[in-house]
PDB file of N, CA and C in Angstrom:
ATOM      1  N   UNK A   1     -10.121  -3.016 -14.571  1.00  0.00           N
ATOM      2  CA  UNK A   1     -10.122  -3.691 -13.494  1.00  0.00           C
ATOM      3  C   UNK A   1     -11.147  -4.757 -13.370  1.00  0.00           C
ATOM      4  N   UNK A   2     -11.140  -6.123 -13.101  1.00  0.00           N
ATOM      5  CA  UNK A   2     -11.807  -6.905 -13.152  1.00  0.00           C
ATOM      6  C   UNK A   2     -12.176  -7.285 -11.733  1.00  0.00           C
ATOM      7  N   UNK A   3     -13.296  -7.998 -11.844  1.00  0.00           N
ATOM      8  CA  UNK A   3     -14.258  -8.268 -10.312  1.00  0.00           C
ATOM      9  C   UNK A   3     -14.208  -9.821 -10.567  1.00  0.00           C
ATOM     10  N   UNK A   4     -13.556 -10.445  -9.394  1.00  0.00           N
ATOM     11  CA  UNK A   4     -13.880 -12.235  -9.131  1.00  0.00           C
ATOM     12  C   UNK A   4     -15.513 -12.229  -8.979  1.00  0.00           C
ATOM     13  N   UNK A   5     -15.763 -13.321  -8.654  1.00  0.00           N
ATOM     14  CA  UNK A   5     -17.366 -13.961  -8.377  1.00  0.00           C
ATOM     15  C   UNK A   5     -17.317 -13.139  -6.812  1.00  0.00           C
ATOM     16  N   UNK A   6     -16.706 -12.970  -6.356  1.00  0.00           N
ATOM     17  CA  UNK A   6     -16.948 -12.320  -4.661  1.00  0.00           C
ATOM     18  C   UNK A   6     -16.405 -11.012  -4.677  1.00  0.00           C
ATOM     19  N   UNK A   7     -16.434 -10.623  -5.638  1.00  0.00           N
ATOM     20  CA  UNK A   7     -16.535  -8.732  -5.909  1.00  0.00           C
ATOM     21  C   UNK A   7     -15.095  -8.142  -5.672  1.00  0.00           C
ATOM     22  N   UNK A   8     -14.034  -9.134  -5.507  1.00  0.00           N
ATOM     23  CA  UNK A   8     -12.625  -8.473  -4.896  1.00  0.00           C
ATOM     24  C   UNK A   8     -12.513  -7.943  -6.149  1.00  0.00           C
ATOM     25  N   UNK A   9     -11.881  -6.573  -6.368  1.00  0.00           N
ATOM     26  CA  UNK A   9     -11.121  -6.157  -7.357  1.00  0.00           C
ATOM     27  C   UNK A   9      -9.617  -6.550  -8.008  1.00  0.00           C
ATOM     28  N   UNK A  10      -9.542  -7.028  -9.181  1.00  0.00           N
ATOM     29  CA  UNK A  10      -8.265  -7.614  -9.522  1.00  0.00           C
ATOM     30  C   UNK A  10      -7.728  -6.569 -10.838  1.00  0.00           C
ATOM     31  N   UNK A  11      -6.208  -6.616 -10.542  1.00  0.00           N
ATOM     32  CA  UNK A  11      -5.623  -5.711 -11.468  1.00  0.00           C
ATOM     33  C   UNK A  11      -4.734  -6.575 -12.549  1.00  0.00           C
ATOM     34  N   UNK A  12      -5.077  -6.668 -13.932  1.00  0.00           N
ATOM     35  CA  UNK A  12      -3.963  -7.566 -14.612  1.00  0.00           C
ATOM     36  C   UNK A  12      -2.746  -6.735 -14.862  1.00  0.00           C
ATOM     37  N   UNK A  13      -1.816  -7.251 -14.264  1.00  0.00           N
ATOM     38  CA  UNK A  13      -0.585  -6.780 -14.208  1.00  0.00           C
ATOM     39  C   UNK A  13       0.590  -7.267 -15.484  1.00  0.00           C
ATOM     40  N   UNK A  14      -0.122  -8.041 -16.227  1.00  0.00           N
ATOM     41  CA  UNK A  14       0.434  -8.553 -17.493  1.00  0.00           C
ATOM     42  C   UNK A  14       0.551 -10.002 -17.261  1.00  0.00           C
ATOM     43  N   UNK A  15       0.676 -10.626 -18.683  1.00  0.00           N
ATOM     44  CA  UNK A  15       0.840 -12.322 -18.818  1.00  0.00           C
ATOM     45  C   UNK A  15       0.000 -13.184 -17.741  1.00  0.00           C
ATOM     46  N   UNK A  16      -1.211 -12.640 -17.554  1.00  0.00           N
ATOM     47  CA  UNK A  16      -2.055 -13.503 -16.897  1.00  0.00           C
ATOM     48  C   UNK A  16      -2.111 -13.431 -15.517  1.00  0.00           C
ATOM     49  N   UNK A  17      -1.305 -12.602 -14.800  1.00  0.00           N
ATOM     50  CA  UNK A  17      -0.939 -12.482 -13.545  1.00  0.00           C
ATOM     51  C   UNK A  17      -2.071 -11.169 -13.144  1.00  0.00           C
ATOM     52  N   UNK A  18      -2.844 -11.186 -11.857  1.00  0.00           N
ATOM     53  CA  UNK A  18      -3.519 -10.486 -11.392  1.00  0.00           C
ATOM     54  C   UNK A  18      -3.090 -10.296  -9.740  1.00  0.00           C
ATOM     55  N   UNK A  19      -3.080  -9.071  -9.464  1.00  0.00           N
ATOM     56  CA  UNK A  19      -3.161  -8.290  -8.234  1.00  0.00           C
ATOM     57  C   UNK A  19      -4.321  -8.011  -7.760  1.00  0.00           C
ATOM     58  N   UNK A  20      -4.734  -8.027  -6.318  1.00  0.00           N
ATOM     59  CA  UNK A  20      -5.728  -7.256  -5.558  1.00  0.00           C
ATOM     60  C   UNK A  20      -5.831  -6.126  -5.586  1.00  0.00           C
ATOM     61  N   UNK A  21      -6.608  -5.344  -6.017  1.00  0.00           N
ATOM     62  CA  UNK A  21      -6.252  -3.717  -6.041  1.00  0.00           C
ATOM     63  C   UNK A  21      -6.436  -3.155  -4.798  1.00  0.00           C
ATOM     64  N   UNK A  22      -6.962  -3.843  -3.932  1.00  0.00           N
ATOM     65  CA  UNK A  22      -7.148  -3.471  -2.275  1.00  0.00           C
ATOM     66  C   UNK A  22      -6.057  -3.612  -1.226  1.00  0.00           C
ATOM     67  N   UNK A  23      -4.859  -4.265  -2.384  1.00  0.00           N
ATOM     68  CA  UNK A  23      -3.767  -4.446  -1.262  1.00  0.00           C
ATOM     69  C   UNK A  23      -2.577  -3.518  -1.935  1.00  0.00           C
ATOM     70  N   UNK A  24      -2.791  -2.751  -3.199  1.00  0.00           N
ATOM     71  CA  UNK A  24      -1.931  -2.025  -3.789  1.00  0.00           C
ATOM     72  C   UNK A  24      -1.819  -0.908  -2.924  1.00  0.00           C
ATOM     73  N   UNK A  25      -0.289  -0.106  -2.356  1.00  0.00           N
ATOM     74  CA  UNK A  25       0.006   0.986  -2.001  1.00  0.00           C
ATOM     75  C   UNK A  25       0.461   1.961  -3.256  1.00  0.00           C
ATOM     76  N   UNK A  26       1.255   1.369  -3.562  1.00  0.00           N
ATOM     77  CA  UNK A  26       1.952   2.147  -4.996  1.00  0.00           C
ATOM     78  C   UNK A  26       2.014   1.361  -6.204  1.00  0.00           C
ATOM     79  N   UNK A  27       2.338   2.382  -7.211  1.00  0.00           N
ATOM     80  CA  UNK A  27       2.785   1.452  -8.498  1.00  0.00           C
ATOM     81  C   UNK A  27       3.951   2.879  -8.745  1.00  0.00           C
ATOM     82  N   UNK A  28       5.184   2.205  -8.699  1.00  0.00           N
ATOM     83  CA  UNK A  28       6.537   3.230  -9.128  1.00  0.00           C
ATOM     84  C   UNK A  28       7.455   2.586 -10.139  1.00  0.00           C
ATOM     85  N   UNK A  29       8.195   3.567 -11.042  1.00  0.00           N
ATOM     86  CA  UNK A  29       8.940   3.289 -11.796  1.00  0.00           C
ATOM     87  C   UNK A  29      10.284   2.717 -10.935  1.00  0.00           C
ATOM     88  N   UNK A  30      10.728   1.872 -11.761  1.00  0.00           N
ATOM     89  CA  UNK A  30      12.271   1.061 -11.332  1.00  0.00           C
ATOM     90  C   UNK A  30      13.501   1.753 -11.203  1.00  0.00           C
ATOM     91  N   UNK A  31      13.602   3.042 -11.662  1.00  0.00           N
ATOM     92  CA  UNK A  31      14.808   3.630 -11.865  1.00  0.00           C
ATOM     93  C   UNK A  31      15.523   4.335 -10.621  1.00  0.00           C
ATOM     94  N   UNK A  32      14.728   4.816  -9.773  1.00  0.00           N
ATOM     95  CA  UNK A  32      15.317   5.694  -8.772  1.00  0.00           C
ATOM     96  C   UNK A  32      16.365   4.414  -7.734  1.00  0.00           C
ATOM     97  N   UNK A  33      17.330   5.388  -7.412  1.00  0.00           N
ATOM     98  CA  UNK A  33      18.047   4.556  -6.083  1.00  0.00           C
ATOM     99  C   UNK A  33      17.402   4.342  -5.218  1.00  0.00           C
ATOM    100  N   UNK A  34      16.390   5.006  -4.435  1.00  0.00           N
ATOM    101  CA  UNK A  34      15.617   4.472  -3.182  1.00  0.00           C
ATOM    102  C   UNK A  34      14.827   3.182  -3.688  1.00  0.00           C
ATOM    103  N   UNK A  35      14.200   3.111  -4.620  1.00  0.00           N
ATOM    104  CA  UNK A  35      13.606   1.987  -5.444  1.00  0.00           C
ATOM    105  C   UNK A  35      14.263   0.706  -5.611  1.00  0.00           C
ATOM    106  N   UNK A  36      15.426   1.180  -6.028  1.00  0.00           N
ATOM    107  CA  UNK A  36      16.780   0.166  -6.504  1.00  0.00           C
ATOM    108  C   UNK A  36      17.152  -0.561  -4.925  1.00  0.00           C
ATOM    109  N   UNK A  37      17.221   0.044  -4.091  1.00  0.00           N
ATOM    110  CA  UNK A  37      17.509  -0.396  -2.610  1.00  0.00           C
ATOM    111  C   UNK A  37      16.268  -1.127  -1.846  1.00  0.00           C
ATOM    112  N   UNK A  38      14.950  -0.661  -2.217  1.00  0.00           N
ATOM    113  CA  UNK A  38      13.876  -1.306  -1.621  1.00  0.00           C
ATOM    114  C   UNK A  38      13.737  -2.799  -2.168  1.00  0.00           C
ATOM    115  N   UNK A  39      13.969  -2.721  -3.577  1.00  0.00           N
ATOM    116  CA  UNK A  39      13.967  -3.825  -4.410  1.00  0.00           C
ATOM    117  C   UNK A  39      15.258  -5.085  -3.798  1.00  0.00           C
ATOM    118  N   UNK A  40      16.275  -4.441  -3.213  1.00  0.00           N
ATOM    119  CA  UNK A  40      17.272  -5.324  -2.975  1.00  0.00           C
ATOM    120  C   UNK A  40      16.787  -5.935  -1.623  1.00  0.00           C
ATOM    121  N   UNK A  41      16.233  -5.113  -0.536  1.00  0.00           N
ATOM    122  CA  UNK A  41      15.814  -5.223   0.328  1.00  0.00           C
ATOM    123  C   UNK A  41      14.649  -6.342   0.498  1.00  0.00           C
ATOM    124  N   UNK A  42      13.838  -6.379  -0.218  1.00  0.00           N
ATOM    125  CA  UNK A  42      12.782  -7.228  -0.583  1.00  0.00           C
ATOM    126  C   UNK A  42      13.385  -8.336  -1.073  1.00  0.00           C
ATOM    127  N   UNK A  43      14.254  -9.021  -1.823  1.00  0.00           N
ATOM    128  CA  UNK A  43      14.983 -10.003  -2.362  1.00  0.00           C
ATOM    129  C   UNK A  43      15.652 -10.719  -1.092  1.00  0.00           C
ATOM    130  N   UNK A  44      16.302  -9.777  -0.264  1.00  0.00           N
ATOM    131  CA  UNK A  44      16.936 -10.458   1.159  1.00  0.00           C
ATOM    132  C   UNK A  44      15.627 -11.048   1.964  1.00  0.00           C
ATOM    133  N   UNK A  45      14.806 -10.597   2.088  1.00  0.00           N
ATOM    134  CA  UNK A  45      13.429 -10.837   2.901  1.00  0.00           C
ATOM    135  C   UNK A  45      12.546 -11.804   2.147  1.00  0.00           C
ATOM    136  N   UNK A  46      12.483 -12.237   1.149  1.00  0.00           N
ATOM    137  CA  UNK A  46      11.915 -13.022   0.441  1.00  0.00           C
ATOM    138  C   UNK A  46      10.615 -12.476  -0.031  1.00  0.00           C
ATOM    139  N   UNK A  47      10.598 -11.369  -0.164  1.00  0.00           N
ATOM    140  CA  UNK A  47       9.094 -10.525  -0.550  1.00  0.00           C
ATOM    141  C   UNK A  47       9.359 -10.064  -1.944  1.00  0.00           C
ATOM    142  N   UNK A  48       9.880 -10.558  -2.453  1.00  0.00           N
ATOM    143  CA  UNK A  48      10.084 -10.123  -4.212  1.00  0.00           C
ATOM    144  C   UNK A  48       9.208 -11.210  -4.942  1.00  0.00           C
ATOM    145  N   UNK A  49       8.614 -10.429  -5.811  1.00  0.00           N
ATOM    146  CA  UNK A  49       7.625 -11.415  -6.781  1.00  0.00           C
ATOM    147  C   UNK A  49       7.900 -10.855  -8.293  1.00  0.00           C
ATOM    148  N   UNK A  50       8.110 -11.677  -8.736  1.00  0.00           N
ATOM    149  CA  UNK A  50       8.868 -11.279 -10.333  1.00  0.00           C
ATOM    150  C   UNK A  50       7.712 -11.898 -11.168  1.00  0.00           C
ATOM    151  N   UNK A  51       6.989 -10.902 -11.759  1.00  0.00           N
ATOM    152  CA  UNK A  51       5.788 -11.473 -12.716  1.00  0.00           C
ATOM    153  C   UNK A  51       6.251 -10.985 -14.103  1.00  0.00           C
ATOM    154  N   UNK A  52       7.396 -10.877 -14.363  1.00  0.00           N
ATOM    155  CA  UNK A  52       7.680  -9.956 -15.909  1.00  0.00           C
ATOM    156  C   UNK A  52       7.911 -10.982 -16.806  1.00  0.00           C
ATOM    157  N   UNK A  53       7.821 -12.357 -16.763  1.00  0.00           N
ATOM    158  CA  UNK A  53       7.923 -13.404 -17.386  1.00  0.00           C
ATOM    159  C   UNK A  53       9.400 -13.172 -18.167  1.00  0.00           C
ATOM    160  N   UNK A  54      10.494 -12.632 -17.573  1.00  0.00           N
ATOM    161  CA  UNK A  54      11.805 -12.571 -18.165  1.00  0.00           C
ATOM    162  C   UNK A  54      12.205 -11.181 -18.997  1.00  0.00           C
ATOM    163  N   UNK A  55      11.095 -10.446 -18.912  1.00  0.00           N
ATOM    164  CA  UNK A  55      11.036  -9.044 -19.640  1.00  0.00           C
ATOM    165  C   UNK A  55      11.596  -8.048 -18.887  1.00  0.00           C
ATOM    166  N   UNK A  56      11.840  -6.985 -19.174  1.00  0.00           N
ATOM    167  CA  UNK A  56      12.372  -6.002 -18.372  1.00  0.00           C
ATOM    168  C   UNK A  56      11.360  -5.372 -17.686  1.00  0.00           C
ATOM    169  N   UNK A  57      11.945  -4.910 -15.971  1.00  0.00           N
ATOM    170  CA  UNK A  57      11.049  -4.357 -15.158  1.00  0.00           C
ATOM    171  C   UNK A  57      10.732  -3.086 -15.665  1.00  0.00           C
ATOM    172  N   UNK A  58       9.425  -2.915 -15.836  1.00  0.00           N
ATOM    173  CA  UNK A  58       9.067  -1.244 -16.122  1.00  0.00           C
ATOM    174  C   UNK A  58       8.301  -0.817 -15.063  1.00  0.00           C
ATOM    175  N   UNK A  59       7.781  -1.548 -14.076  1.00  0.00           N
ATOM    176  CA  UNK A  59       7.098  -0.914 -12.907  1.00  0.00           C
ATOM    177  C   UNK A  59       6.981  -2.030 -11.690  1.00  0.00           C
ATOM    178  N   UNK A  60       6.939  -1.255 -10.668  1.00  0.00           N
ATOM    179  CA  UNK A  60       7.022  -2.028  -9.188  1.00  0.00           C
ATOM    180  C   UNK A  60       5.768  -1.717  -8.619  1.00  0.00           C
ATOM    181  N   UNK A  61       5.259  -2.559  -8.137  1.00  0.00           N
ATOM    182  CA  UNK A  61       3.852  -2.395  -7.249  1.00  0.00           C
ATOM    183  C   UNK A  61       4.389  -3.026  -5.932  1.00  0.00           C
ATOM    184  N   UNK A  62       3.902  -1.850  -4.969  1.00  0.00           N
ATOM    185  CA  UNK A  62       4.029  -2.151  -3.798  1.00  0.00           C
ATOM    186  C   UNK A  62       2.983  -2.370  -2.906  1.00  0.00           C
ATOM    187  N   UNK A  63       3.063  -3.339  -2.066  1.00  0.00           N
ATOM    188  CA  UNK A  63       1.680  -3.962  -1.250  1.00  0.00           C
ATOM    189  C   UNK A  63       1.641  -3.629   0.135  1.00  0.00           C
ATOM    190  N   UNK A  64       0.471  -3.694   0.439  1.00  0.00           N
ATOM    191  CA  UNK A  64       0.488  -3.635   2.154  1.00  0.00           C
ATOM    192  C   UNK A  64       1.344  -4.689   3.146  1.00  0.00           C
ATOM    193  N   UNK A  65       1.358  -5.649   2.510  1.00  0.00           N
ATOM    194  CA  UNK A  65       2.111  -6.712   3.097  1.00  0.00           C
ATOM    195  C   UNK A  65       3.514  -6.733   2.837  1.00  0.00           C
ATOM    196  N   UNK A  66       4.232  -5.437   2.096  1.00  0.00           N
ATOM    197  CA  UNK A  66       5.575  -5.268   2.413  1.00  0.00           C
ATOM    198  C   UNK A  66       6.238  -6.313   1.131  1.00  0.00           C
ATOM    199  N   UNK A  67       5.080  -6.853   0.129  1.00  0.00           N
ATOM    200  CA  UNK A  67       5.636  -7.456  -0.865  1.00  0.00           C
ATOM    201  C   UNK A  67       6.090  -6.378  -2.199  1.00  0.00           C
ATOM    202  N   UNK A  68       6.885  -6.758  -2.799  1.00  0.00           N
ATOM    203  CA  UNK A  68       7.108  -5.824  -4.052  1.00  0.00           C
ATOM    204  C   UNK A  68       7.347  -6.755  -5.307  1.00  0.00           C
ATOM    205  N   UNK A  69       6.190  -6.420  -6.302  1.00  0.00           N
ATOM    206  CA  UNK A  69       5.852  -7.091  -7.370  1.00  0.00           C
ATOM    207  C   UNK A  69       6.242  -6.550  -8.705  1.00  0.00           C
ATOM    208  N   UNK A  70       7.118  -7.133  -9.352  1.00  0.00           N
ATOM    209  CA  UNK A  70       7.559  -6.783 -10.612  1.00  0.00           C
ATOM    210  C   UNK A  70       6.853  -6.617 -11.788  1.00  0.00           C
ATOM    211  N   UNK A  71       6.360  -5.880 -12.287  1.00  0.00           N
ATOM    212  CA  UNK A  71       5.813  -6.329 -13.670  1.00  0.00           C
ATOM    213  C   UNK A  71       6.414  -5.378 -15.017  1.00  0.00           C
ATOM    214  N   UNK A  72       6.314  -6.381 -16.224  1.00  0.00           N
ATOM    215  CA  UNK A  72       6.664  -5.855 -17.543  1.00  0.00           C
ATOM    216  C   UNK A  72       5.896  -4.582 -18.110  1.00  0.00           C
ATOM    217  N   UNK A  73       4.573  -4.176 -17.540  1.00  0.00           N
ATOM    218  CA  UNK A  73       3.958  -3.232 -18.029  1.00  0.00           C
ATOM    219  C   UNK A  73       4.665  -1.877 -17.573  1.00  0.00           C
ATOM    220  N   UNK A  74       4.242  -0.978 -18.121  1.00  0.00           N
ATOM    221  CA  UNK A  74       4.354   0.732 -17.728  1.00  0.00           C
ATOM    222  C   UNK A  74       3.487   0.918 -16.536  1.00  0.00           C
ATOM    223  N   UNK A  75       4.257   1.902 -15.987  1.00  0.00           N
ATOM    224  CA  UNK A  75       3.575   2.487 -14.640  1.00  0.00           C
ATOM    225  C   UNK A  75       2.014   3.380 -15.058  1.00  0.00           C
ATOM    226  N   UNK A  76       2.013   3.663 -16.120  1.00  0.00           N
ATOM    227  CA  UNK A  76       0.785   4.609 -16.892  1.00  0.00           C
ATOM    228  C   UNK A  76      -0.135   3.474 -17.270  1.00  0.00           C
ATOM    229  N   UNK A  77       0.325   2.531 -17.703  1.00  0.00           N
ATOM    230  CA  UNK A  77      -0.624   1.580 -18.116  1.00  0.00           C
ATOM    231  C   UNK A  77      -1.453   0.919 -17.008  1.00  0.00           C
ATOM    232  N   UNK A  78      -0.588   0.468 -15.982  1.00  0.00           N
ATOM    233  CA  UNK A  78      -1.228   0.051 -14.647  1.00  0.00           C
ATOM    234  C   UNK A  78      -1.780   0.762 -13.926  1.00  0.00           C
ATOM    235  N   UNK A  79      -1.806   2.333 -13.618  1.00  0.00           N
ATOM    236  CA  UNK A  79      -2.710   2.956 -13.210  1.00  0.00           C
ATOM    237  C   UNK A  79      -3.678   3.288 -13.531  1.00  0.00           C
ATOM    238  N   UNK A  80      -3.712   3.228 -15.169  1.00  0.00           N
ATOM    239  CA  UNK A  80      -5.186   3.634 -16.095  1.00  0.00           C
ATOM    240  C   UNK A  80      -5.943   2.075 -15.781  1.00  0.00           C
ATOM    241  N   UNK A  81      -5.336   0.856 -15.493  1.00  0.00           N
ATOM    242  CA  UNK A  81      -6.205  -0.064 -15.279  1.00  0.00           C
ATOM    243  C   UNK A  81      -6.769  -0.051 -13.750  1.00  0.00           C
ATOM    244  N   UNK A  82      -5.948   0.793 -12.689  1.00  0.00           N
ATOM    245  CA  UNK A  82      -6.639   0.538 -11.410  1.00  0.00           C
ATOM    246  C   UNK A  82      -7.733   1.700 -11.711  1.00  0.00           C
ATOM    247  N   UNK A  83      -7.804   2.579 -12.294  1.00  0.00           N
ATOM    248  CA  UNK A  83      -8.826   3.510 -12.124  1.00  0.00           C
ATOM    249  C   UNK A  83     -10.175   2.921 -12.956  1.00  0.00           C
ATOM    250  N   UNK A  84      -9.927   2.011 -14.117  1.00  0.00           N
ATOM    251  CA  UNK A  84     -11.054   1.785 -14.696  1.00  0.00           C
ATOM    252  C   UNK A  84     -11.971   0.919 -13.695  1.00  0.00           C
ATOM    253  N   UNK A  85     -13.118   0.954 -14.123  1.00  0.00           N
ATOM    254  CA  UNK A  85     -14.256   0.313 -13.622  1.00  0.00           C
ATOM    255  C   UNK A  85     -15.162  -0.564 -14.250  1.00  0.00           C
TER     256      UNK A  85
END
């Protein structure tokens, strides 16, 4: 996890994209039906951010602002990056 000049912890979610760690609620796998429904609802509300750069979605990040962020990195990789200091 990196910190900005102001001390905000950031998580690299792949391809030069970062997310503020303080806003992440959950990191989930995209395969289950409830998560697929959440993704469809986020598209309808305009709250889906695709950070996969055209690659397969391997993790979905849920934020406190109800945004869903798609990442091409594995859930395990992202959780490991969250726990690093």
